[in-house]
Amino acid sequence: KDILFVGHSPDSNTKIIIHTDAKRNSDIYVIKFEIIEEKTNDIVSSYSVSRSFGSWFDVNGVMDQERFERTLIEGLEATKSGRKPHDQ
Protein backbone atom coordinates (compact mmCIF):
# COMPACT_ATOMS: atom_id res chain seq x y z
CA LYS A 1 0.00 0.00 0.00
CA ASP A 2 1.28 3.43 -1.00
CA ILE A 3 4.62 1.94 -2.12
CA LEU A 4 5.40 3.10 -5.62
CA PHE A 5 8.82 1.50 -6.07
CA VAL A 6 11.29 -0.86 -4.35
CA GLY A 7 14.75 -1.26 -5.84
CA HIS A 8 17.94 -2.95 -4.71
CA SER A 9 21.39 -1.43 -5.07
CA PRO A 10 23.74 -3.78 -6.93
CA ASP A 11 26.84 -2.36 -5.21
CA SER A 12 25.65 -2.20 -1.59
CA ASN A 13 23.34 -3.90 0.89
CA THR A 14 20.67 -1.24 0.65
CA LYS A 15 17.36 -0.83 -1.06
CA ILE A 16 15.42 2.27 -1.98
CA ILE A 17 11.73 2.56 -1.35
CA ILE A 18 9.50 5.29 -2.75
CA HIS A 19 6.20 5.84 -0.94
CA THR A 20 3.43 8.18 -2.02
CA ASP A 21 0.52 9.76 -0.19
CA ALA A 22 -2.35 12.02 -1.14
CA LYS A 23 -5.05 12.99 1.32
CA ARG A 24 -8.65 13.08 0.21
CA ASN A 25 -9.77 16.56 -0.88
CA SER A 26 -6.19 17.84 -1.02
CA ASP A 27 -4.16 18.76 -4.08
CA ILE A 28 -0.88 17.93 -2.31
CA TYR A 29 1.00 14.81 -3.40
CA VAL A 30 3.75 13.57 -1.08
CA ILE A 31 6.63 11.46 -2.37
CA LYS A 32 8.89 9.95 0.30
CA PHE A 33 12.23 8.37 -0.56
CA GLU A 34 14.00 6.02 1.84
CA ILE A 35 17.27 4.15 1.67
CA ILE A 36 17.05 1.08 3.89
CA GLU A 37 19.82 -1.23 5.13
CA GLU A 38 18.57 -4.63 3.98
CA LYS A 39 20.00 -6.73 6.82
CA THR A 40 18.76 -4.54 9.69
CA ASN A 41 15.84 -2.80 7.95
CA ASP A 42 17.13 0.50 9.40
CA ILE A 43 16.53 3.73 7.50
CA VAL A 44 19.90 5.04 6.31
CA SER A 45 18.54 8.18 4.67
CA SER A 46 15.16 9.67 3.83
CA TYR A 47 13.78 12.66 1.98
CA SER A 48 10.26 13.86 1.27
CA VAL A 49 8.80 16.05 -1.48
CA SER A 50 5.36 17.67 -1.18
CA ARG A 51 3.93 19.36 -4.25
CA SER A 52 0.59 20.32 -5.67
CA PHE A 53 -0.64 17.96 -8.38
CA GLY A 54 -0.91 21.08 -10.53
CA SER A 55 2.86 21.56 -10.52
CA TRP A 56 3.18 18.60 -12.93
CA PHE A 57 0.42 19.61 -15.35
CA ASP A 58 0.25 22.37 -17.96
CA VAL A 59 -2.64 24.81 -18.42
CA ASN A 60 -4.44 22.29 -20.66
CA GLY A 61 -4.33 19.57 -18.00
CA VAL A 62 -1.64 17.55 -19.77
CA MET A 63 0.94 15.95 -17.50
CA ASP A 64 4.44 17.33 -17.88
CA GLN A 65 6.29 14.01 -17.65
CA GLU A 66 9.70 15.67 -17.78
CA ARG A 67 8.93 17.91 -14.80
CA PHE A 68 7.63 14.93 -12.79
CA GLU A 69 10.76 12.91 -13.65
CA ARG A 70 12.96 15.84 -12.55
CA THR A 71 11.15 15.83 -9.20
CA LEU A 72 11.89 12.12 -8.82
CA ILE A 73 15.55 12.50 -9.81
CA GLU A 74 16.05 15.41 -7.40
CA GLY A 75 14.43 13.40 -4.61
CA LEU A 76 16.61 10.36 -5.29
CA GLU A 77 19.77 12.48 -5.40
CA ALA A 78 18.82 14.27 -2.17
CA THR A 79 18.19 10.92 -0.48
CA LYS A 80 21.49 9.44 -1.65
CA SER A 81 23.53 12.53 -0.71
CA GLY A 82 21.65 13.30 2.51
CA ARG A 83 21.31 16.94 1.40
CA LYS A 84 18.29 18.85 0.18
CA PRO A 85 18.44 19.96 -3.47
CA HIS A 86 18.75 23.67 -2.58
CA ASP A 87 21.70 22.86 -0.26
CA GLN A 88 23.84 21.60 -3.15
PDB file of N, CA and C in Angstrom:
ATOM      1  N   LYS A   1       0.839  -1.183   0.000  1.00  0.00           N
ATOM      2  CA  LYS A   1       0.000   0.000   0.000  1.00  0.00           C
ATOM      3  C   LYS A   1       0.879   1.240   0.000  1.00  0.00           C
ATOM      4  N   ASP A   2       0.593   2.144  -0.884  1.00  0.00           N
ATOM      5  CA  ASP A   2       1.280   3.427  -0.999  1.00  0.00           C
ATOM      6  C   ASP A   2       2.751   3.302  -1.385  1.00  0.00           C
ATOM      7  N   ILE A   3       3.238   2.091  -1.669  1.00  0.00           N
ATOM      8  CA  ILE A   3       4.619   1.941  -2.117  1.00  0.00           C
ATOM      9  C   ILE A   3       4.613   1.951  -3.638  1.00  0.00           C
ATOM     10  N   LEU A   4       5.342   2.919  -4.181  1.00  0.00           N
ATOM     11  CA  LEU A   4       5.402   3.096  -5.624  1.00  0.00           C
ATOM     12  C   LEU A   4       6.530   2.288  -6.245  1.00  0.00           C
ATOM     13  N   PHE A   5       7.644   2.143  -5.500  1.00  0.00           N
ATOM     14  CA  PHE A   5       8.825   1.496  -6.066  1.00  0.00           C
ATOM     15  C   PHE A   5       9.690   0.912  -4.963  1.00  0.00           C
ATOM     16  N   VAL A   6      10.266  -0.267  -5.216  1.00  0.00           N
ATOM     17  CA  VAL A   6      11.290  -0.856  -4.352  1.00  0.00           C
ATOM     18  C   VAL A   6      12.401  -1.326  -5.274  1.00  0.00           C
ATOM     19  N   GLY A   7      13.610  -0.861  -5.026  1.00  0.00           N
ATOM     20  CA  GLY A   7      14.754  -1.263  -5.839  1.00  0.00           C
ATOM     21  C   GLY A   7      15.923  -1.625  -4.955  1.00  0.00           C
ATOM     22  N   HIS A   8      16.770  -2.499  -5.461  1.00  0.00           N
ATOM     23  CA  HIS A   8      17.941  -2.948  -4.712  1.00  0.00           C
ATOM     24  C   HIS A   8      19.199  -2.411  -5.375  1.00  0.00           C
ATOM     25  N   SER A   9      20.122  -1.949  -4.568  1.00  0.00           N
ATOM     26  CA  SER A   9      21.389  -1.433  -5.066  1.00  0.00           C
ATOM     27  C   SER A   9      22.331  -2.592  -5.364  1.00  0.00           C
ATOM     28  N   PRO A  10      22.857  -2.668  -6.584  1.00  0.00           N
ATOM     29  CA  PRO A  10      23.745  -3.779  -6.926  1.00  0.00           C
ATOM     30  C   PRO A  10      25.116  -3.706  -6.235  1.00  0.00           C
ATOM     31  N   ASP A  11      25.504  -2.515  -5.787  1.00  0.00           N
ATOM     32  CA  ASP A  11      26.840  -2.356  -5.206  1.00  0.00           C
ATOM     33  C   ASP A  11      26.832  -2.139  -3.693  1.00  0.00           C
ATOM     34  N   SER A  12      25.699  -2.320  -3.052  1.00  0.00           N
ATOM     35  CA  SER A  12      25.648  -2.199  -1.589  1.00  0.00           C
ATOM     36  C   SER A  12      24.512  -3.068  -1.058  1.00  0.00           C
ATOM     37  N   ASN A  13      24.388  -3.109   0.244  1.00  0.00           N
ATOM     38  CA  ASN A  13      23.338  -3.904   0.887  1.00  0.00           C
ATOM     39  C   ASN A  13      22.156  -3.023   1.273  1.00  0.00           C
ATOM     40  N   THR A  14      21.796  -2.132   0.375  1.00  0.00           N
ATOM     41  CA  THR A  14      20.671  -1.239   0.648  1.00  0.00           C
ATOM     42  C   THR A  14      19.606  -1.384  -0.426  1.00  0.00           C
ATOM     43  N   LYS A  15      18.438  -0.914  -0.077  1.00  0.00           N
ATOM     44  CA  LYS A  15      17.356  -0.833  -1.056  1.00  0.00           C
ATOM     45  C   LYS A  15      16.735   0.541  -0.939  1.00  0.00           C
ATOM     46  N   ILE A  16      16.121   0.986  -2.015  1.00  0.00           N
ATOM     47  CA  ILE A  16      15.420   2.269  -1.983  1.00  0.00           C
ATOM     48  C   ILE A  16      13.939   1.996  -2.132  1.00  0.00           C
ATOM     49  N   ILE A  17      13.181   2.685  -1.312  1.00  0.00           N
ATOM     50  CA  ILE A  17      11.726   2.558  -1.354  1.00  0.00           C
ATOM     51  C   ILE A  17      11.149   3.949  -1.585  1.00  0.00           C
ATOM     52  N   ILE A  18      10.198   4.022  -2.497  1.00  0.00           N
ATOM     53  CA  ILE A  18       9.504   5.287  -2.755  1.00  0.00           C
ATOM     54  C   ILE A  18       8.043   5.081  -2.385  1.00  0.00           C
ATOM     55  N   HIS A  19       7.586   5.869  -1.411  1.00  0.00           N
ATOM     56  CA  HIS A  19       6.202   5.844  -0.938  1.00  0.00           C
ATOM     57  C   HIS A  19       5.498   7.088  -1.469  1.00  0.00           C
ATOM     58  N   THR A  20       4.203   7.006  -1.639  1.00  0.00           N
ATOM     59  CA  THR A  20       3.429   8.177  -2.020  1.00  0.00           C
ATOM     60  C   THR A  20       2.216   8.302  -1.102  1.00  0.00           C
ATOM     61  N   ASP A  21       1.713   9.513  -1.008  1.00  0.00           N
ATOM     62  CA  ASP A  21       0.524   9.756  -0.192  1.00  0.00           C
ATOM     63  C   ASP A  21      -0.205  10.976  -0.725  1.00  0.00           C
ATOM     64  N   ALA A  22      -1.497  10.886  -0.776  1.00  0.00           N
ATOM     65  CA  ALA A  22      -2.348  12.019  -1.141  1.00  0.00           C
ATOM     66  C   ALA A  22      -3.607  11.926  -0.285  1.00  0.00           C
ATOM     67  N   LYS A  23      -3.864  12.968   0.462  1.00  0.00           N
ATOM     68  CA  LYS A  23      -5.047  12.995   1.320  1.00  0.00           C
ATOM     69  C   LYS A  23      -6.275  13.335   0.492  1.00  0.00           C
ATOM     70  N   ARG A  24      -7.387  12.793   0.877  1.00  0.00           N
ATOM     71  CA  ARG A  24      -8.647  13.081   0.206  1.00  0.00           C
ATOM     72  C   ARG A  24      -8.944  14.587   0.297  1.00  0.00           C
ATOM     73  N   ASN A  25      -9.419  15.136  -0.790  1.00  0.00           N
ATOM     74  CA  ASN A  25      -9.774  16.560  -0.880  1.00  0.00           C
ATOM     75  C   ASN A  25      -8.579  17.496  -0.739  1.00  0.00           C
ATOM     76  N   SER A  26      -7.387  17.005  -1.050  1.00  0.00           N
ATOM     77  CA  SER A  26      -6.190  17.839  -1.023  1.00  0.00           C
ATOM     78  C   SER A  26      -5.495  17.727  -2.369  1.00  0.00           C
ATOM     79  N   ASP A  27      -4.896  18.815  -2.813  1.00  0.00           N
ATOM     80  CA  ASP A  27      -4.162  18.764  -4.082  1.00  0.00           C
ATOM     81  C   ASP A  27      -2.677  18.496  -3.860  1.00  0.00           C
ATOM     82  N   ILE A  28      -2.293  18.170  -2.631  1.00  0.00           N
ATOM     83  CA  ILE A  28      -0.883  17.929  -2.313  1.00  0.00           C
ATOM     84  C   ILE A  28      -0.556  16.437  -2.445  1.00  0.00           C
ATOM     85  N   TYR A  29       0.508  16.164  -3.180  1.00  0.00           N
ATOM     86  CA  TYR A  29       1.005  14.808  -3.399  1.00  0.00           C
ATOM     87  C   TYR A  29       2.362  14.717  -2.717  1.00  0.00           C
ATOM     88  N   VAL A  30       2.514  13.752  -1.835  1.00  0.00           N
ATOM     89  CA  VAL A  30       3.751  13.571  -1.076  1.00  0.00           C
ATOM     90  C   VAL A  30       4.486  12.357  -1.622  1.00  0.00           C
ATOM     91  N   ILE A  31       5.770  12.557  -1.927  1.00  0.00           N
ATOM     92  CA  ILE A  31       6.627  11.456  -2.369  1.00  0.00           C
ATOM     93  C   ILE A  31       7.749  11.339  -1.344  1.00  0.00           C
ATOM     94  N   LYS A  32       7.861  10.170  -0.720  1.00  0.00           N
ATOM     95  CA  LYS A  32       8.886   9.951   0.299  1.00  0.00           C
ATOM     96  C   LYS A  32       9.875   8.904  -0.197  1.00  0.00           C
ATOM     97  N   PHE A  33      11.141   9.248  -0.136  1.00  0.00           N
ATOM     98  CA  PHE A  33      12.227   8.375  -0.562  1.00  0.00           C
ATOM     99  C   PHE A  33      12.950   7.874   0.681  1.00  0.00           C
ATOM    100  N   GLU A  34      13.246   6.583   0.721  1.00  0.00           N
ATOM    101  CA  GLU A  34      13.996   6.016   1.843  1.00  0.00           C
ATOM    102  C   GLU A  34      15.060   5.058   1.316  1.00  0.00           C
ATOM    103  N   ILE A  35      16.236   5.148   1.897  1.00  0.00           N
ATOM    104  CA  ILE A  35      17.266   4.149   1.667  1.00  0.00           C
ATOM    105  C   ILE A  35      17.321   3.307   2.934  1.00  0.00           C
ATOM    106  N   ILE A  36      17.163   2.006   2.768  1.00  0.00           N
ATOM    107  CA  ILE A  36      17.052   1.080   3.894  1.00  0.00           C
ATOM    108  C   ILE A  36      18.203   0.075   3.848  1.00  0.00           C
ATOM    109  N   GLU A  37      18.815  -0.164   4.999  1.00  0.00           N
ATOM    110  CA  GLU A  37      19.816  -1.225   5.130  1.00  0.00           C
ATOM    111  C   GLU A  37      19.054  -2.552   5.123  1.00  0.00           C
ATOM    112  N   GLU A  38      19.361  -3.407   4.155  1.00  0.00           N
ATOM    113  CA  GLU A  38      18.574  -4.630   3.982  1.00  0.00           C
ATOM    114  C   GLU A  38      18.671  -5.597   5.160  1.00  0.00           C
ATOM    115  N   LYS A  39      19.832  -5.749   5.743  1.00  0.00           N
ATOM    116  CA  LYS A  39      19.998  -6.727   6.824  1.00  0.00           C
ATOM    117  C   LYS A  39      19.285  -6.306   8.101  1.00  0.00           C
ATOM    118  N   THR A  40      19.344  -5.018   8.433  1.00  0.00           N
ATOM    119  CA  THR A  40      18.764  -4.543   9.688  1.00  0.00           C
ATOM    120  C   THR A  40      17.404  -3.872   9.504  1.00  0.00           C
ATOM    121  N   ASN A  41      17.073  -3.534   8.273  1.00  0.00           N
ATOM    122  CA  ASN A  41      15.843  -2.801   7.949  1.00  0.00           C
ATOM    123  C   ASN A  41      15.838  -1.382   8.537  1.00  0.00           C
ATOM    124  N   ASP A  42      17.013  -0.862   8.879  1.00  0.00           N
ATOM    125  CA  ASP A  42      17.131   0.499   9.401  1.00  0.00           C
ATOM    126  C   ASP A  42      17.123   1.499   8.247  1.00  0.00           C
ATOM    127  N   ILE A  43      16.527   2.659   8.492  1.00  0.00           N
ATOM    128  CA  ILE A  43      16.526   3.729   7.498  1.00  0.00           C
ATOM    129  C   ILE A  43      17.881   4.415   7.542  1.00  0.00           C
ATOM    130  N   VAL A  44      18.594   4.406   6.426  1.00  0.00           N
ATOM    131  CA  VAL A  44      19.898   5.041   6.312  1.00  0.00           C
ATOM    132  C   VAL A  44      19.728   6.519   5.977  1.00  0.00           C
ATOM    133  N   SER A  45      18.782   6.805   5.095  1.00  0.00           N
ATOM    134  CA  SER A  45      18.536   8.181   4.667  1.00  0.00           C
ATOM    135  C   SER A  45      17.099   8.282   4.174  1.00  0.00           C
ATOM    136  N   SER A  46      16.508   9.461   4.352  1.00  0.00           N
ATOM    137  CA  SER A  46      15.156   9.673   3.831  1.00  0.00           C
ATOM    138  C   SER A  46      14.996  11.122   3.399  1.00  0.00           C
ATOM    139  N   TYR A  47      14.057  11.325   2.501  1.00  0.00           N
ATOM    140  CA  TYR A  47      13.780  12.661   1.980  1.00  0.00           C
ATOM    141  C   TYR A  47      12.338  12.665   1.508  1.00  0.00           C
ATOM    142  N   SER A  48      11.658  13.767   1.658  1.00  0.00           N
ATOM    143  CA  SER A  48      10.257  13.861   1.269  1.00  0.00           C
ATOM    144  C   SER A  48      10.015  15.102   0.419  1.00  0.00           C
ATOM    145  N   VAL A  49       9.183  14.950  -0.604  1.00  0.00           N
ATOM    146  CA  VAL A  49       8.798  16.052  -1.483  1.00  0.00           C
ATOM    147  C   VAL A  49       7.290  16.185  -1.411  1.00  0.00           C
ATOM    148  N   SER A  50       6.798  17.397  -1.179  1.00  0.00           N
ATOM    149  CA  SER A  50       5.361  17.666  -1.175  1.00  0.00           C
ATOM    150  C   SER A  50       5.083  18.744  -2.217  1.00  0.00           C
ATOM    151  N   ARG A  51       4.255  18.405  -3.182  1.00  0.00           N
ATOM    152  CA  ARG A  51       3.925  19.356  -4.245  1.00  0.00           C
ATOM    153  C   ARG A  51       2.446  19.255  -4.597  1.00  0.00           C
ATOM    154  N   SER A  52       1.941  20.327  -5.138  1.00  0.00           N
ATOM    155  CA  SER A  52       0.592  20.321  -5.672  1.00  0.00           C
ATOM    156  C   SER A  52       0.570  19.477  -6.942  1.00  0.00           C
ATOM    157  N   PHE A  53      -0.499  18.718  -7.130  1.00  0.00           N
ATOM    158  CA  PHE A  53      -0.640  17.957  -8.376  1.00  0.00           C
ATOM    159  C   PHE A  53      -0.482  18.888  -9.574  1.00  0.00           C
ATOM    160  N   GLY A  54      -0.966  20.110  -9.442  1.00  0.00           N
ATOM    161  CA  GLY A  54      -0.914  21.083 -10.534  1.00  0.00           C
ATOM    162  C   GLY A  54       0.488  21.438 -10.982  1.00  0.00           C
ATOM    163  N   SER A  55       1.490  21.213 -10.143  1.00  0.00           N
ATOM    164  CA  SER A  55       2.856  21.561 -10.525  1.00  0.00           C
ATOM    165  C   SER A  55       3.395  20.653 -11.627  1.00  0.00           C
ATOM    166  N   TRP A  56       2.726  19.528 -11.889  1.00  0.00           N
ATOM    167  CA  TRP A  56       3.178  18.600 -12.932  1.00  0.00           C
ATOM    168  C   TRP A  56       2.262  18.588 -14.152  1.00  0.00           C
ATOM    169  N   PHE A  57       1.343  19.544 -14.220  1.00  0.00           N
ATOM    170  CA  PHE A  57       0.424  19.614 -15.349  1.00  0.00           C
ATOM    171  C   PHE A  57       0.469  21.002 -15.975  1.00  0.00           C
ATOM    172  N   ASP A  58       0.270  21.064 -17.293  1.00  0.00           N
ATOM    173  CA  ASP A  58       0.246  22.371 -17.957  1.00  0.00           C
ATOM    174  C   ASP A  58      -1.163  22.952 -17.891  1.00  0.00           C
ATOM    175  N   VAL A  59      -1.354  24.121 -18.490  1.00  0.00           N
ATOM    176  CA  VAL A  59      -2.644  24.814 -18.419  1.00  0.00           C
ATOM    177  C   VAL A  59      -3.768  24.048 -19.102  1.00  0.00           C
ATOM    178  N   ASN A  60      -3.438  23.108 -19.974  1.00  0.00           N
ATOM    179  CA  ASN A  60      -4.442  22.291 -20.664  1.00  0.00           C
ATOM    180  C   ASN A  60      -4.734  20.983 -19.931  1.00  0.00           C
ATOM    181  N   GLY A  61      -4.097  20.776 -18.781  1.00  0.00           N
ATOM    182  CA  GLY A  61      -4.330  19.570 -18.002  1.00  0.00           C
ATOM    183  C   GLY A  61      -3.509  18.377 -18.457  1.00  0.00           C
ATOM    184  N   VAL A  62      -2.506  18.629 -19.295  1.00  0.00           N
ATOM    185  CA  VAL A  62      -1.637  17.548 -19.775  1.00  0.00           C
ATOM    186  C   VAL A  62      -0.454  17.416 -18.822  1.00  0.00           C
ATOM    187  N   MET A  63      -0.168  16.171 -18.427  1.00  0.00           N
ATOM    188  CA  MET A  63       0.936  15.946 -17.495  1.00  0.00           C
ATOM    189  C   MET A  63       2.264  16.263 -18.157  1.00  0.00           C
ATOM    190  N   ASP A  64       3.082  17.016 -17.435  1.00  0.00           N
ATOM    191  CA  ASP A  64       4.445  17.332 -17.881  1.00  0.00           C
ATOM    192  C   ASP A  64       5.350  16.241 -17.323  1.00  0.00           C
ATOM    193  N   GLN A  65       5.524  15.183 -18.084  1.00  0.00           N
ATOM    194  CA  GLN A  65       6.286  14.010 -17.651  1.00  0.00           C
ATOM    195  C   GLN A  65       7.717  14.381 -17.279  1.00  0.00           C
ATOM    196  N   GLU A  66       8.319  15.268 -18.051  1.00  0.00           N
ATOM    197  CA  GLU A  66       9.704  15.670 -17.784  1.00  0.00           C
ATOM    198  C   GLU A  66       9.829  16.355 -16.425  1.00  0.00           C
ATOM    199  N   ARG A  67       8.899  17.213 -16.099  1.00  0.00           N
ATOM    200  CA  ARG A  67       8.928  17.907 -14.801  1.00  0.00           C
ATOM    201  C   ARG A  67       8.755  16.917 -13.649  1.00  0.00           C
ATOM    202  N   PHE A  68       7.842  15.942 -13.825  1.00  0.00           N
ATOM    203  CA  PHE A  68       7.635  14.931 -12.795  1.00  0.00           C
ATOM    204  C   PHE A  68       8.900  14.086 -12.613  1.00  0.00           C
ATOM    205  N   GLU A  69       9.524  13.696 -13.725  1.00  0.00           N
ATOM    206  CA  GLU A  69      10.761  12.908 -13.650  1.00  0.00           C
ATOM    207  C   GLU A  69      11.882  13.692 -12.973  1.00  0.00           C
ATOM    208  N   ARG A  70      11.953  15.003 -13.229  1.00  0.00           N
ATOM    209  CA  ARG A  70      12.957  15.840 -12.549  1.00  0.00           C
ATOM    210  C   ARG A  70      12.728  15.833 -11.049  1.00  0.00           C
ATOM    211  N   THR A  71      11.479  15.889 -10.630  1.00  0.00           N
ATOM    212  CA  THR A  71      11.155  15.835  -9.203  1.00  0.00           C
ATOM    213  C   THR A  71      11.653  14.523  -8.602  1.00  0.00           C
ATOM    214  N   LEU A  72      11.422  13.418  -9.311  1.00  0.00           N
ATOM    215  CA  LEU A  72      11.886  12.119  -8.819  1.00  0.00           C
ATOM    216  C   LEU A  72      13.408  12.054  -8.749  1.00  0.00           C
ATOM    217  N   ILE A  73      14.078  12.524  -9.789  1.00  0.00           N
ATOM    218  CA  ILE A  73      15.549  12.500  -9.814  1.00  0.00           C
ATOM    219  C   ILE A  73      16.117  13.347  -8.684  1.00  0.00           C
ATOM    220  N   GLU A  74      15.579  14.544  -8.495  1.00  0.00           N
ATOM    221  CA  GLU A  74      16.049  15.411  -7.402  1.00  0.00           C
ATOM    222  C   GLU A  74      15.841  14.744  -6.048  1.00  0.00           C
ATOM    223  N   GLY A  75      14.703  14.094  -5.868  1.00  0.00           N
ATOM    224  CA  GLY A  75      14.433  13.402  -4.612  1.00  0.00           C
ATOM    225  C   GLY A  75      15.389  12.246  -4.372  1.00  0.00           C
ATOM    226  N   LEU A  76      15.659  11.478  -5.414  1.00  0.00           N
ATOM    227  CA  LEU A  76      16.611  10.363  -5.285  1.00  0.00           C
ATOM    228  C   LEU A  76      18.006  10.871  -4.960  1.00  0.00           C
ATOM    229  N   GLU A  77      18.440  11.919  -5.655  1.00  0.00           N
ATOM    230  CA  GLU A  77      19.771  12.480  -5.405  1.00  0.00           C
ATOM    231  C   GLU A  77      19.871  13.040  -3.984  1.00  0.00           C
ATOM    232  N   ALA A  78      18.823  13.716  -3.531  1.00  0.00           N
ATOM    233  CA  ALA A  78      18.823  14.266  -2.172  1.00  0.00           C
ATOM    234  C   ALA A  78      18.882  13.143  -1.137  1.00  0.00           C
ATOM    235  N   THR A  79      18.183  12.055  -1.408  1.00  0.00           N
ATOM    236  CA  THR A  79      18.192  10.925  -0.481  1.00  0.00           C
ATOM    237  C   THR A  79      19.569  10.276  -0.434  1.00  0.00           C
ATOM    238  N   LYS A  80      20.171  10.082  -1.597  1.00  0.00           N
ATOM    239  CA  LYS A  80      21.492   9.443  -1.655  1.00  0.00           C
ATOM    240  C   LYS A  80      22.568  10.315  -1.021  1.00  0.00           C
ATOM    241  N   SER A  81      22.500  11.634  -1.230  1.00  0.00           N
ATOM    242  CA  SER A  81      23.528  12.530  -0.714  1.00  0.00           C
ATOM    243  C   SER A  81      23.259  12.954   0.721  1.00  0.00           C
ATOM    244  N   GLY A  82      22.021  12.855   1.168  1.00  0.00           N
ATOM    245  CA  GLY A  82      21.654  13.298   2.513  1.00  0.00           C
ATOM    246  C   GLY A  82      21.473  14.802   2.597  1.00  0.00           C
ATOM    247  N   ARG A  83      21.487  15.476   1.428  1.00  0.00           N
ATOM    248  CA  ARG A  83      21.311  16.943   1.396  1.00  0.00           C
ATOM    249  C   ARG A  83      20.094  17.301   0.568  1.00  0.00           C
ATOM    250  N   LYS A  84      19.421  18.353   0.952  1.00  0.00           N
ATOM    251  CA  LYS A  84      18.286  18.845   0.183  1.00  0.00           C
ATOM    252  C   LYS A  84      18.789  19.471  -1.110  1.00  0.00           C
ATOM    253  N   PRO A  85      17.993  19.423  -2.188  1.00  0.00           N
ATOM    254  CA  PRO A  85      18.441  19.959  -3.469  1.00  0.00           C
ATOM    255  C   PRO A  85      18.937  21.402  -3.408  1.00  0.00           C
ATOM    256  N   HIS A  86      18.293  22.270  -2.640  1.00  0.00           N
ATOM    257  CA  HIS A  86      18.745  23.666  -2.582  1.00  0.00           C
ATOM    258  C   HIS A  86      20.009  23.845  -1.737  1.00  0.00           C
ATOM    259  N   ASP A  87      20.466  22.791  -1.035  1.00  0.00           N
ATOM    260  CA  ASP A  87      21.704  22.863  -0.261  1.00  0.00           C
ATOM    261  C   ASP A  87      22.927  22.550  -1.109  1.00  0.00           C
ATOM    262  N   GLN A  88      22.727  22.034  -2.320  1.00  0.00           N
ATOM    263  CA  GLN A  88      23.839  21.597  -3.149  1.00  0.00           C
ATOM    264  C   GLN A  88      24.465  22.737  -3.905  1.00  0.00           C
TER     265      GLN A  88
END
